[in-house]
Amino acid sequence: MSGPGRHPYRTYGVVALVVIGGLVALCLVAFAQLLTPKADVTVQVERAGQQLLPGSDVKLRGINVGTVSSITSDGTGAELHLHMKPSMLKDIPDNVLARIIPKTLFGEKYVDLVLPAQPSSSRLHDGSVITIDRTTSALEIDKALNDLLPVLQAVRPQKLNSTLNAIATALHGRGNELGATVEHLDAYLKGLNPHLSQLKHDVTALASVSHTYNQAADSLLRMLDNLVVTSNTVVDQQAQIERLLADVTTASLTTRDLLKQNATNIVQVNAVNRDVVALLARYSPEFPCFFRGDAGLAPRIHDAVPTGPPGLNHAAHVVVEFVPAFPTYKYPIDLPEFGDTRGPNCYGLPHPKLRLPVIRYKDGTQDDPRFAAQGQPGPVGSTSATKGQSARGSASMGDAGTKKERSILNQLLGPILGLSSTKVPDIADLLWGPLARGNGVNLK
């Protein structure tokens, strides 16, 4: 086709191509936001991460306020260059902080602007520099996400998807139960929180106890090995043990019947013996020294009457004579009385002094006029007294109990006991004095 009619179609074609090219260029310019007014803001971070790319969103409280235009690094840190919407800058303080967090678990990251606790009156402007949020919570989130990344890289997506689907299916329709469980867990943690220091101490102590058990492991193993032998012995002696248990059961039943029948008597015996036991308890400090002294008395008694050569008689000749009797019993003057309140005293036992102190017991006769009228009774075994004289007033008893008599007895008993006269114990005078008074002594 030729002629003037073809030129209008060519013109239309060229115009259509220009219009289409202009629309494409306009779309590219609009996509690159070349005609959109913007303010350049820089964020200084230690690292940007692999998921933060140019074009990533910049948000404040979930609202998009800009994009990441580029990322540069000098080897020690990174700078994020942001294109901020100028209309939003008037609402953002210049001390705002930045966080780099992912949108989802596997999604790309974005820059999240965080308002401080005390926002500044100055506003963000073109050329401002924002620092990264270094609060504890932000660092913990960043560390948790960084630690989670190797785990997510090692997990196979299909297996993770199956696991998440199984968890979702298990939790479907159990929201109320899950909420109650979380509330119970919260209450449990609140109750545990005040005792964390004690829990820490217990864990530390558990380490010490474990160390002790570790050191004693050999002994414990030997004990268990010995326990095996003991267990085998018990198994071998099973019949004898059964008979023993049967006998113990029978004895227990017999003892039960005995106690049941005599329960009242046992209580009465305890009640009756209360005073006796109290008296024994009071004088119990004397028992050890008394028995030790009694044990040392046997050789002394043996030495007091030794066995000598044939023909040498060491036996004592005893002359028993009757002395005037005490007045007859008269009630209530002669009721038993023990007025001594000195309490327990060992008096040097088990190694008493050679001369014991003279002890006058309060036996109730001191103030009795009948004894004062007749005089105190003389020592048992005294020699004969003249008629009408008391034993105390006998002429043969004039030296009884005096130092003179003790001196004579000590000289006589010393060779028999194998001691010097100065070391003869007082008990020898007490025992031999009544036997020797009034008797003649022949020395060989």
Protein backbone atom coordinates (compact mmCIF):
# COMPACT_ATOMS: atom_id res chain seq x y z
CA MET A 1 0.00 0.00 0.00
CA SER A 2 1.38 3.40 -0.94
CA GLY A 3 0.25 6.94 -1.02
CA PRO A 4 -0.46 9.58 1.53
CA GLY A 5 -2.75 7.29 3.55
CA ARG A 6 0.10 5.25 4.99
CA HIS A 7 1.77 8.09 6.94
CA PRO A 8 -0.90 8.46 9.63
CA TYR A 9 -0.54 4.78 10.66
CA ARG A 10 3.21 5.12 11.00
CA THR A 11 2.73 8.16 13.14
CA TYR A 12 0.24 6.32 15.32
CA GLY A 13 2.68 3.43 15.73
CA VAL A 14 5.53 5.66 16.79
CA VAL A 15 3.28 7.51 19.24
CA ALA A 16 2.08 4.17 20.69
CA LEU A 17 5.66 2.98 21.17
CA VAL A 18 6.62 6.25 22.85
CA VAL A 19 3.61 6.04 25.15
CA ILE A 20 4.37 2.42 26.06
CA GLY A 21 8.04 3.28 26.70
CA GLY A 22 7.01 6.23 28.81
CA LEU A 23 4.67 4.07 30.89
CA VAL A 24 7.42 1.48 31.42
CA ALA A 25 9.88 4.19 32.42
CA LEU A 26 7.29 5.72 34.74
CA CYS A 27 6.74 2.33 36.39
CA LEU A 28 10.48 1.88 36.86
CA VAL A 29 10.84 5.36 38.31
CA ALA A 30 7.88 4.76 40.62
CA PHE A 31 9.25 1.39 41.70
CA ALA A 32 12.66 2.91 42.42
CA GLN A 33 10.93 5.78 44.21
CA LEU A 34 13.06 8.24 42.24
CA LEU A 35 10.34 10.83 42.27
CA THR A 36 9.30 10.18 45.92
CA PRO A 37 10.63 12.74 48.41
CA LYS A 38 12.92 11.06 50.97
CA ALA A 39 15.32 11.81 53.81
CA ASP A 40 18.60 9.93 54.15
CA VAL A 41 19.24 8.46 57.63
CA THR A 42 22.12 6.17 58.64
CA VAL A 43 22.01 3.29 61.13
CA GLN A 44 25.32 2.07 62.60
CA VAL A 45 25.32 -1.66 63.42
CA GLU A 46 27.90 -4.36 64.16
CA ARG A 47 26.54 -6.67 61.47
CA ALA A 48 23.53 -6.60 59.19
CA GLY A 49 22.93 -10.31 58.66
CA GLN A 50 22.30 -12.24 55.48
CA GLN A 51 18.54 -11.71 55.42
CA LEU A 52 18.69 -7.87 55.50
CA LEU A 53 18.76 -6.67 51.90
CA PRO A 54 18.37 -3.32 50.13
CA GLY A 55 14.69 -2.56 49.86
CA SER A 56 13.89 -4.09 53.27
CA ASP A 57 11.29 -2.26 55.29
CA VAL A 58 11.91 0.25 58.08
CA LYS A 59 9.05 0.20 60.60
CA LEU A 60 8.04 2.08 63.71
CA ARG A 61 5.42 0.32 65.85
CA GLY A 62 4.43 -1.77 62.82
CA ILE A 63 4.03 1.24 60.48
CA ASN A 64 6.28 1.43 57.40
CA VAL A 65 8.28 4.68 57.64
CA GLY A 66 10.98 3.98 55.05
CA THR A 67 13.18 1.44 53.30
CA VAL A 68 16.79 0.30 53.31
CA SER A 69 18.49 1.88 50.33
CA SER A 70 21.96 0.32 50.69
CA ILE A 71 24.30 -1.47 53.07
CA THR A 72 28.00 -0.67 53.38
CA SER A 73 30.73 -2.14 55.57
CA ASP A 74 34.31 -1.15 56.44
CA GLY A 75 35.27 -4.53 57.95
CA THR A 76 34.65 -3.53 61.58
CA GLY A 77 30.97 -2.71 61.32
CA ALA A 78 28.14 -1.94 58.93
CA GLU A 79 26.09 1.11 58.02
CA LEU A 80 22.51 0.91 56.86
CA HIS A 81 21.46 3.77 54.65
CA LEU A 82 17.75 4.38 55.02
CA HIS A 83 15.33 6.34 52.88
CA MET A 84 12.83 7.75 55.33
CA LYS A 85 9.49 9.31 54.47
CA PRO A 86 9.84 13.04 55.23
CA SER A 87 6.25 13.21 56.44
CA MET A 88 7.05 10.69 59.19
CA LEU A 89 10.18 12.38 60.55
CA LYS A 90 8.22 14.95 62.55
CA ASP A 91 6.83 12.15 64.74
CA ILE A 92 10.13 10.33 65.36
CA PRO A 93 12.53 11.61 68.10
CA ASP A 94 16.20 11.78 67.18
CA ASN A 95 17.20 9.43 70.06
CA VAL A 96 15.23 6.55 68.56
CA LEU A 97 16.99 3.14 68.58
CA ALA A 98 17.11 0.48 65.87
CA ARG A 99 16.77 -3.28 65.94
CA ILE A 100 17.27 -5.77 63.12
CA ILE A 101 14.76 -8.58 63.53
CA PRO A 102 13.14 -11.11 61.18
CA LYS A 103 9.54 -10.78 60.05
CA THR A 104 8.96 -14.52 60.52
CA LEU A 105 11.02 -17.49 61.63
CA PHE A 106 12.37 -18.04 58.12
CA GLY A 107 11.55 -14.63 56.64
CA GLU A 108 13.74 -11.70 55.73
CA LYS A 109 14.80 -9.14 58.30
CA TYR A 110 13.72 -5.56 58.64
CA VAL A 111 14.75 -2.51 60.64
CA ASP A 112 12.52 -1.93 63.65
CA LEU A 113 12.73 1.52 65.22
CA VAL A 114 12.18 1.48 69.00
CA LEU A 115 11.15 4.57 70.93
CA PRO A 116 13.20 5.14 74.10
CA ALA A 117 11.67 5.40 77.58
CA GLN A 118 12.25 9.18 77.52
CA PRO A 119 11.88 10.44 73.93
CA SER A 120 13.84 13.55 73.00
CA SER A 121 12.10 16.77 71.99
CA SER A 122 14.35 16.97 68.91
CA ARG A 123 13.12 15.17 65.83
CA LEU A 124 14.80 12.96 63.29
CA HIS A 125 15.98 14.82 60.18
CA ASP A 126 17.87 14.30 56.94
CA GLY A 127 21.42 13.12 57.75
CA SER A 128 20.64 11.84 61.26
CA VAL A 129 22.51 8.82 62.63
CA ILE A 130 20.64 6.13 64.58
CA THR A 131 22.45 3.70 66.93
CA ILE A 132 21.59 0.07 67.46
CA ASP A 133 19.52 -0.89 70.52
CA ARG A 134 21.89 -2.35 73.14
CA THR A 135 19.43 -2.97 75.97
CA THR A 136 19.40 -6.38 77.68
CA SER A 137 16.21 -7.56 76.03
CA ALA A 138 17.44 -6.58 72.58
CA LEU A 139 20.76 -8.35 73.07
CA GLU A 140 19.00 -11.46 74.35
CA ILE A 141 16.69 -11.55 71.33
CA ASP A 142 19.61 -11.05 68.96
CA LYS A 143 21.65 -13.78 70.68
CA ALA A 144 18.70 -16.18 70.67
CA LEU A 145 18.11 -15.65 66.97
CA ASN A 146 21.81 -16.03 66.16
CA ASP A 147 21.98 -19.26 68.18
CA LEU A 148 18.84 -20.51 66.49
CA LEU A 149 20.22 -20.00 62.99
CA PRO A 150 22.62 -23.01 63.01
CA VAL A 151 19.81 -25.19 64.33
CA LEU A 152 17.46 -24.08 61.57
CA GLN A 153 20.17 -24.67 58.98
CA ALA A 154 20.67 -28.22 60.26
CA VAL A 155 16.96 -29.05 60.37
CA ARG A 156 15.43 -30.46 57.23
CA PRO A 157 12.46 -28.30 56.16
CA GLN A 158 10.17 -31.22 55.35
CA LYS A 159 10.73 -32.83 58.76
CA LEU A 160 10.28 -29.51 60.52
CA ASN A 161 7.06 -28.98 58.58
CA SER A 162 5.78 -32.41 59.64
CA THR A 163 6.68 -31.71 63.26
CA LEU A 164 4.96 -28.32 63.25
CA ASN A 165 1.85 -29.83 61.64
CA ALA A 166 1.76 -32.56 64.31
CA ILE A 167 2.09 -29.96 67.07
CA ALA A 168 -0.63 -27.83 65.50
CA THR A 169 -2.94 -30.84 65.26
CA ALA A 170 -2.25 -31.81 68.88
CA LEU A 171 -2.98 -28.29 70.14
CA HIS A 172 -6.04 -27.73 67.97
CA GLY A 173 -9.10 -27.20 70.16
CA ARG A 174 -7.07 -27.27 73.39
CA GLY A 175 -6.63 -23.55 73.90
CA ASN A 176 -8.35 -23.49 77.28
CA GLU A 177 -6.32 -26.42 78.57
CA LEU A 178 -3.10 -24.90 77.25
CA GLY A 179 -3.97 -21.58 78.89
CA ALA A 180 -4.66 -23.30 82.23
CA THR A 181 -1.34 -25.13 81.95
CA VAL A 182 0.49 -21.87 81.31
CA GLU A 183 -1.23 -20.28 84.31
CA HIS A 184 -0.26 -23.21 86.55
CA LEU A 185 3.30 -22.99 85.27
CA ASP A 186 3.33 -19.26 85.99
CA ALA A 187 2.10 -19.85 89.55
CA TYR A 188 4.70 -22.57 90.04
CA LEU A 189 7.51 -20.31 88.82
CA LYS A 190 6.29 -17.48 91.07
CA GLY A 191 6.43 -19.82 94.05
CA LEU A 192 9.87 -21.09 93.02
CA ASN A 193 11.37 -17.67 92.39
CA PRO A 194 11.83 -16.68 96.10
CA HIS A 195 13.72 -19.95 96.69
CA LEU A 196 16.20 -19.63 93.82
CA SER A 197 19.07 -18.85 96.21
CA GLN A 198 18.29 -21.99 98.24
CA LEU A 199 17.97 -23.99 95.02
CA LYS A 200 21.37 -22.69 93.92
CA HIS A 201 22.83 -23.68 97.30
CA ASP A 202 21.26 -27.15 97.04
CA VAL A 203 22.69 -27.67 93.55
CA THR A 204 26.13 -26.61 94.80
CA ALA A 205 25.79 -28.92 97.79
CA LEU A 206 24.70 -31.72 95.44
CA ALA A 207 27.97 -31.31 93.59
CA SER A 208 29.87 -31.66 96.87
CA VAL A 209 27.83 -34.73 97.85
CA SER A 210 28.41 -36.27 94.42
CA HIS A 211 32.14 -35.71 94.84
CA THR A 212 32.02 -37.43 98.23
CA TYR A 213 30.13 -40.39 96.78
CA ASN A 214 32.65 -40.53 93.96
CA GLN A 215 35.49 -40.82 96.46
CA ALA A 216 33.58 -43.47 98.41
CA ALA A 217 32.57 -45.43 95.30
CA ASP A 218 35.10 -48.22 95.92
CA SER A 219 33.90 -48.70 99.49
CA LEU A 220 30.27 -48.67 98.38
CA LEU A 221 30.97 -51.28 95.71
CA ARG A 222 32.77 -53.49 98.24
CA MET A 223 29.83 -53.09 100.61
CA LEU A 224 27.40 -54.12 97.87
CA ASP A 225 29.61 -57.10 97.06
CA ASN A 226 29.57 -58.12 100.73
CA LEU A 227 25.83 -57.58 100.77
CA VAL A 228 25.52 -60.19 98.03
CA VAL A 229 27.26 -62.70 100.31
CA THR A 230 24.96 -61.73 103.18
CA SER A 231 21.91 -62.11 100.95
CA ASN A 232 23.06 -65.55 99.83
CA THR A 233 23.54 -66.54 103.47
CA VAL A 234 20.02 -65.38 104.29
CA VAL A 235 18.67 -67.43 101.39
CA ASP A 236 20.59 -70.51 102.55
CA GLN A 237 19.35 -70.09 106.14
CA GLN A 238 15.79 -69.30 105.12
CA ALA A 239 14.28 -72.20 107.05
CA GLN A 240 16.14 -71.32 110.26
CA ILE A 241 15.14 -67.67 109.91
CA GLU A 242 11.50 -68.66 109.48
CA ARG A 243 11.65 -70.75 112.66
CA LEU A 244 13.35 -67.85 114.47
CA LEU A 245 10.63 -65.45 113.38
CA ALA A 246 7.97 -67.92 114.50
CA ASP A 247 9.66 -68.23 117.90
CA VAL A 248 9.93 -64.45 118.16
CA THR A 249 6.24 -64.18 117.35
CA THR A 250 5.38 -66.68 120.08
CA ALA A 251 7.62 -64.90 122.57
CA SER A 252 6.06 -61.57 121.63
CA LEU A 253 2.57 -62.91 122.20
CA THR A 254 3.61 -64.36 125.57
CA THR A 255 5.23 -61.08 126.56
CA ARG A 256 2.13 -59.20 125.50
CA ASP A 257 -0.08 -61.42 127.67
CA LEU A 258 2.32 -61.05 130.60
CA LEU A 259 2.39 -57.28 130.33
CA LYS A 260 -1.37 -57.14 129.86
CA GLN A 261 -1.99 -59.18 133.01
CA ASN A 262 0.56 -57.30 135.12
CA ALA A 263 0.11 -53.79 133.73
CA THR A 264 -1.37 -52.53 137.00
CA ASN A 265 1.33 -54.22 139.07
CA ILE A 266 4.09 -52.72 136.92
CA VAL A 267 2.64 -49.25 137.40
CA GLN A 268 2.31 -49.84 141.15
CA VAL A 269 5.91 -51.10 141.40
CA ASN A 270 7.15 -47.97 139.69
CA ALA A 271 5.05 -45.80 141.99
CA VAL A 272 6.23 -47.62 145.14
CA ASN A 273 9.89 -47.53 144.11
CA ARG A 274 9.83 -43.88 143.16
CA ASP A 275 11.35 -42.74 146.47
CA VAL A 276 13.94 -45.52 146.41
CA VAL A 277 14.98 -44.67 142.88
CA ALA A 278 15.12 -40.98 143.78
CA LEU A 279 17.39 -41.80 146.74
CA LEU A 280 19.62 -43.97 144.54
CA ALA A 281 19.75 -41.20 141.96
CA ARG A 282 20.83 -38.70 144.62
CA TYR A 283 23.68 -40.90 145.84
CA SER A 284 24.61 -42.30 142.43
CA PRO A 285 27.86 -40.23 142.28
CA GLU A 286 29.15 -42.41 145.14
CA PHE A 287 28.67 -45.71 143.31
CA PRO A 288 31.76 -45.64 141.04
CA CYS A 289 34.18 -44.69 143.81
CA PHE A 290 32.51 -47.14 146.24
CA PHE A 291 32.90 -50.11 143.90
CA ARG A 292 36.46 -49.15 143.01
CA GLY A 293 37.26 -48.89 146.73
CA ASP A 294 35.48 -52.20 147.39
CA ALA A 295 37.59 -53.88 144.71
CA GLY A 296 40.74 -52.62 146.45
CA LEU A 297 39.52 -53.85 149.85
CA ALA A 298 39.85 -57.58 149.06
CA PRO A 299 43.68 -57.70 149.09
CA ARG A 300 43.73 -55.64 152.30
CA ILE A 301 41.39 -58.10 154.03
CA HIS A 302 43.57 -60.96 152.83
CA ASP A 303 46.65 -59.23 154.25
CA ALA A 304 44.85 -58.56 157.55
CA VAL A 305 44.51 -62.30 158.25
CA PRO A 306 47.41 -63.86 156.33
CA THR A 307 48.25 -67.52 156.20
CA GLY A 308 51.66 -68.15 157.71
CA PRO A 309 54.03 -71.06 158.11
CA PRO A 310 52.84 -74.19 159.91
CA GLY A 311 52.68 -73.70 163.64
CA LEU A 312 52.23 -69.94 163.40
CA ASN A 313 48.64 -69.01 164.25
CA HIS A 314 47.43 -65.66 162.99
CA ALA A 315 43.81 -66.18 164.01
CA ALA A 316 42.24 -63.71 166.43
CA HIS A 317 40.86 -64.94 169.76
CA VAL A 318 37.52 -63.30 170.48
CA VAL A 319 35.95 -62.89 173.92
CA VAL A 320 32.29 -61.91 173.75
CA GLU A 321 30.71 -60.41 176.84
CA PHE A 322 27.27 -58.92 177.38
CA VAL A 323 26.87 -55.26 178.26
CA PRO A 324 23.81 -53.45 179.60
CA ALA A 325 21.14 -53.26 176.92
CA PHE A 326 19.56 -50.14 175.54
CA PRO A 327 16.20 -49.05 176.94
CA THR A 328 13.25 -50.91 175.48
CA TYR A 329 11.52 -49.68 172.38
CA LYS A 330 9.13 -46.83 173.04
CA TYR A 331 6.80 -45.28 170.51
CA PRO A 332 7.13 -42.71 169.03
CA ILE A 333 10.57 -41.83 170.40
CA ASP A 334 12.22 -44.86 168.78
CA LEU A 335 10.76 -44.33 165.30
CA PRO A 336 13.48 -44.64 162.62
CA GLU A 337 15.15 -41.34 161.91
CA PHE A 338 17.90 -40.38 159.54
CA GLY A 339 18.67 -36.69 159.77
CA ASP A 340 21.88 -36.66 157.73
CA THR A 341 21.62 -34.26 154.75
CA ARG A 342 25.22 -34.02 153.60
CA GLY A 343 24.58 -35.70 150.27
CA PRO A 344 26.93 -37.96 148.28
CA ASN A 345 30.61 -37.92 149.21
CA CYS A 346 33.35 -40.41 148.32
CA TYR A 347 35.64 -39.38 151.24
CA GLY A 348 38.73 -40.08 149.19
CA LEU A 349 37.70 -43.47 147.77
CA PRO A 350 39.06 -45.52 146.09
CA HIS A 351 42.29 -44.28 147.76
CA PRO A 352 41.15 -42.88 151.11
CA LYS A 353 43.46 -41.15 153.55
CA LEU A 354 44.89 -43.28 156.35
CA ARG A 355 43.08 -41.22 158.99
CA LEU A 356 39.44 -40.71 158.14
CA PRO A 357 37.62 -37.81 159.78
CA VAL A 358 35.36 -38.66 162.73
CA ILE A 359 31.78 -38.61 161.48
CA ARG A 360 28.89 -38.22 163.93
CA TYR A 361 25.66 -39.30 162.25
CA LYS A 362 22.37 -37.81 163.29
CA ASP A 363 20.50 -40.98 164.22
CA GLY A 364 18.02 -39.46 166.68
CA THR A 365 19.76 -40.54 169.95
CA GLN A 366 21.52 -37.26 170.64
CA ASP A 367 18.54 -35.62 172.33
CA ASP A 368 16.99 -38.75 173.89
CA PRO A 369 16.98 -38.35 177.74
CA ARG A 370 17.00 -42.13 178.26
CA PHE A 371 20.41 -42.42 176.60
CA ALA A 372 21.67 -39.39 178.49
CA ALA A 373 20.67 -41.07 181.81
CA GLN A 374 22.32 -44.42 181.10
CA GLY A 375 25.20 -43.24 178.99
CA GLN A 376 26.03 -44.10 175.38
CA PRO A 377 26.60 -47.79 174.65
CA GLY A 378 30.15 -48.93 174.46
CA PRO A 379 31.79 -50.58 171.47
CA VAL A 380 30.71 -54.06 170.54
CA GLY A 381 32.97 -56.80 171.83
CA SER A 382 34.30 -54.85 174.81
CA THR A 383 35.67 -56.70 177.82
CA SER A 384 33.83 -57.46 181.04
CA ALA A 385 32.43 -54.57 183.09
CA THR A 386 31.87 -54.57 186.82
CA LYS A 387 28.38 -54.89 188.12
CA GLY A 388 26.55 -51.59 188.25
CA GLN A 389 28.92 -49.95 185.76
CA SER A 390 28.04 -49.18 182.19
CA ALA A 391 30.25 -50.47 179.47
CA ARG A 392 31.45 -46.96 178.84
CA GLY A 393 32.47 -46.57 182.46
CA SER A 394 34.34 -49.91 182.71
CA ALA A 395 37.87 -49.72 184.00
CA SER A 396 39.08 -51.92 181.15
CA MET A 397 37.64 -49.49 178.61
CA GLY A 398 39.44 -46.43 179.85
CA ASP A 399 41.76 -46.25 176.82
CA ALA A 400 39.21 -47.43 174.21
CA GLY A 401 39.45 -45.44 170.99
CA THR A 402 42.27 -43.20 172.25
CA LYS A 403 45.51 -42.42 170.48
CA LYS A 404 47.32 -44.54 173.03
CA GLU A 405 45.27 -47.61 172.14
CA ARG A 406 45.67 -46.99 168.41
CA SER A 407 49.43 -46.66 168.84
CA ILE A 408 49.63 -50.01 170.63
CA LEU A 409 47.40 -51.73 168.05
CA ASN A 410 49.39 -50.27 165.15
CA GLN A 411 52.61 -51.68 166.61
CA LEU A 412 50.98 -55.10 166.97
CA LEU A 413 49.23 -55.14 163.58
CA GLY A 414 52.10 -53.69 161.55
CA PRO A 415 54.16 -56.91 161.38
CA ILE A 416 51.04 -58.97 160.67
CA LEU A 417 49.98 -56.70 157.78
CA GLY A 418 53.50 -56.21 156.54
CA LEU A 419 53.31 -52.44 157.10
CA SER A 420 55.03 -49.97 159.33
CA SER A 421 53.10 -48.87 162.41
CA THR A 422 52.50 -45.43 160.89
CA LYS A 423 50.82 -46.87 157.78
CA VAL A 424 48.34 -49.20 159.43
CA PRO A 425 44.87 -48.10 158.18
CA ASP A 426 42.26 -46.84 160.62
CA ILE A 427 39.90 -49.66 159.69
CA ALA A 428 42.38 -52.12 161.28
CA ASP A 429 42.04 -50.29 164.61
CA LEU A 430 38.27 -50.37 164.26
CA LEU A 431 38.16 -54.11 163.49
CA TRP A 432 40.90 -55.40 165.80
CA GLY A 433 40.41 -53.00 168.72
CA PRO A 434 37.23 -54.60 170.14
CA LEU A 435 38.75 -58.06 169.64
CA ALA A 436 42.03 -57.29 171.38
CA ARG A 437 40.80 -55.27 174.36
CA GLY A 438 41.29 -57.17 177.64
CA ASN A 439 43.45 -59.89 176.04
CA GLY A 440 47.05 -60.66 176.72
CA VAL A 441 49.63 -60.34 173.98
CA ASN A 442 52.67 -62.60 173.65
CA LEU A 443 55.37 -61.56 171.20
CA LYS A 444 57.48 -64.30 169.55
